[in-house]
Structures are given as C-alpha cells and as structure tokens.
C-alpha cells in the first residue's frame, strides 16, 4: 500500500502498537476462535491459537488480542 509520497504503509503491524493496546474479540464460549481463519480442519483450540498468532504481539511481547466471552 502506498501513501503517495514514495513511502509504503504497512496495513497491519502489531509491533507498532502501544504495548498496552489490546483488541477484545467477543466469543460465545471460552476457547472459541476469534475470527475465521482458513483452518476448518483443525481443532477449536488450534483455531483459537492461530487467531492469536495472526493478531500478533507488541514489541514487549504483549498479545494484541484477547477473548471476551459474551454474556
């Protein structure tokens, strides 16, 4: 992606986020996947872990995403 000034822009780079920044993904049940990655043939636990990997970590290793169980 380009800004028009010759510099490229990274659309998503969790390392550039503030270390205390988190996205809360609302799920129905603890352990549900946060969004739908293309891995329907894996277990639910692996799908949730893959979501965390895709969400990424900040520079201090803080996870950028967490689950929030809907009530």
C-alpha atoms as a PDB file:
ATOM      1  CA  UNK A   1       0.000   0.000   0.000  1.00  0.00           C
ATOM      2  CA  UNK A   2       1.363   3.449  -0.775  1.00  0.00           C
ATOM      3  CA  UNK A   3       0.762   6.859   0.789  1.00  0.00           C
ATOM      4  CA  UNK A   4       1.564   8.809  -2.338  1.00  0.00           C
ATOM      5  CA  UNK A   5       4.860  10.200  -1.050  1.00  0.00           C
ATOM      6  CA  UNK A   6       7.006   7.227  -2.057  1.00  0.00           C
ATOM      7  CA  UNK A   7       6.835   5.535   1.345  1.00  0.00           C
ATOM      8  CA  UNK A   8       4.985   2.302   1.825  1.00  0.00           C
ATOM      9  CA  UNK A   9       2.486   1.828   4.620  1.00  0.00           C
ATOM     10  CA  UNK A  10       2.043  -1.432   6.474  1.00  0.00           C
ATOM     11  CA  UNK A  11      -1.680  -2.086   6.848  1.00  0.00           C
ATOM     12  CA  UNK A  12      -1.268  -4.153   9.997  1.00  0.00           C
ATOM     13  CA  UNK A  13       1.870  -4.280  12.087  1.00  0.00           C
ATOM     14  CA  UNK A  14       1.226  -5.207  15.742  1.00  0.00           C
ATOM     15  CA  UNK A  15       4.826  -4.329  16.648  1.00  0.00           C
ATOM     16  CA  UNK A  16       3.961  -0.664  16.059  1.00  0.00           C
ATOM     17  CA  UNK A  17       1.114  -0.729  18.600  1.00  0.00           C
ATOM     18  CA  UNK A  18       1.387   0.611  22.124  1.00  0.00           C
ATOM     19  CA  UNK A  19       2.306  -2.243  24.459  1.00  0.00           C
ATOM     20  CA  UNK A  20      -0.926  -1.824  26.445  1.00  0.00           C
ATOM     21  CA  UNK A  21      -3.163  -1.924  23.338  1.00  0.00           C
ATOM     22  CA  UNK A  22      -5.462  -4.925  23.017  1.00  0.00           C
ATOM     23  CA  UNK A  23      -8.347  -5.888  20.788  1.00  0.00           C
ATOM     24  CA  UNK A  24     -11.079  -7.826  22.572  1.00  0.00           C
ATOM     25  CA  UNK A  25     -12.776 -10.413  20.385  1.00  0.00           C
ATOM     26  CA  UNK A  26     -16.254 -11.315  21.629  1.00  0.00           C
ATOM     27  CA  UNK A  27     -16.891 -15.064  21.575  1.00  0.00           C
ATOM     28  CA  UNK A  28     -19.791 -17.237  22.721  1.00  0.00           C
ATOM     29  CA  UNK A  29     -17.709 -19.747  24.677  1.00  0.00           C
ATOM     30  CA  UNK A  30     -14.222 -19.702  26.194  1.00  0.00           C
ATOM     31  CA  UNK A  31     -11.807 -21.147  23.661  1.00  0.00           C
ATOM     32  CA  UNK A  32     -13.838 -20.239  20.552  1.00  0.00           C
ATOM     33  CA  UNK A  33     -11.880 -18.822  17.650  1.00  0.00           C
ATOM     34  CA  UNK A  34     -11.925 -15.021  17.483  1.00  0.00           C
ATOM     35  CA  UNK A  35     -12.422 -14.765  13.749  1.00  0.00           C
ATOM     36  CA  UNK A  36     -12.496 -17.245  10.918  1.00  0.00           C
ATOM     37  CA  UNK A  37      -9.008 -18.164   9.736  1.00  0.00           C
ATOM     38  CA  UNK A  38      -8.851 -20.732   6.966  1.00  0.00           C
ATOM     39  CA  UNK A  39      -8.245 -23.797   9.084  1.00  0.00           C
ATOM     40  CA  UNK A  40     -11.602 -25.559   9.447  1.00  0.00           C
ATOM     41  CA  UNK A  41      -9.890 -28.954   9.573  1.00  0.00           C
ATOM     42  CA  UNK A  42      -8.063 -28.117  12.847  1.00  0.00           C
ATOM     43  CA  UNK A  43      -9.329 -28.410  16.416  1.00  0.00           C
ATOM     44  CA  UNK A  44     -11.118 -25.499  18.063  1.00  0.00           C
ATOM     45  CA  UNK A  45      -8.139 -24.951  20.382  1.00  0.00           C
ATOM     46  CA  UNK A  46      -5.743 -24.803  17.428  1.00  0.00           C
ATOM     47  CA  UNK A  47      -8.058 -22.382  15.599  1.00  0.00           C
ATOM     48  CA  UNK A  48      -8.095 -20.061  18.652  1.00  0.00           C
ATOM     49  CA  UNK A  49      -4.304 -20.295  18.943  1.00  0.00           C
ATOM     50  CA  UNK A  50      -3.942 -19.476  15.237  1.00  0.00           C
ATOM     51  CA  UNK A  51      -6.111 -16.375  15.751  1.00  0.00           C
ATOM     52  CA  UNK A  52      -3.749 -15.209  18.491  1.00  0.00           C
ATOM     53  CA  UNK A  53      -0.745 -15.733  16.220  1.00  0.00           C
ATOM     54  CA  UNK A  54      -2.402 -13.782  13.394  1.00  0.00           C
ATOM     55  CA  UNK A  55      -3.342 -10.988  15.781  1.00  0.00           C
ATOM     56  CA  UNK A  56       0.310 -10.722  16.825  1.00  0.00           C
ATOM     57  CA  UNK A  57       2.280  -9.310  19.738  1.00  0.00           C
ATOM     58  CA  UNK A  58       3.630  -5.858  20.545  1.00  0.00           C
ATOM     59  CA  UNK A  59       7.353  -5.152  20.876  1.00  0.00           C
ATOM     60  CA  UNK A  60       7.397  -6.178  24.555  1.00  0.00           C
ATOM     61  CA  UNK A  61       5.693  -9.493  23.766  1.00  0.00           C
ATOM     62  CA  UNK A  62       2.197  -8.494  24.923  1.00  0.00           C
ATOM     63  CA  UNK A  63      -0.528 -10.279  22.998  1.00  0.00           C
ATOM     64  CA  UNK A  64      -2.578  -7.800  20.936  1.00  0.00           C
ATOM     65  CA  UNK A  65      -5.809  -9.782  21.138  1.00  0.00           C
ATOM     66  CA  UNK A  66      -7.828 -11.404  23.888  1.00  0.00           C
ATOM     67  CA  UNK A  67     -11.157 -13.132  24.087  1.00  0.00           C
ATOM     68  CA  UNK A  68     -14.194 -11.673  25.826  1.00  0.00           C
ATOM     69  CA  UNK A  69     -16.971 -14.181  26.471  1.00  0.00           C
ATOM     70  CA  UNK A  70     -20.387 -12.704  25.702  1.00  0.00           C
ATOM     71  CA  UNK A  71     -22.897 -12.906  28.497  1.00  0.00           C
END
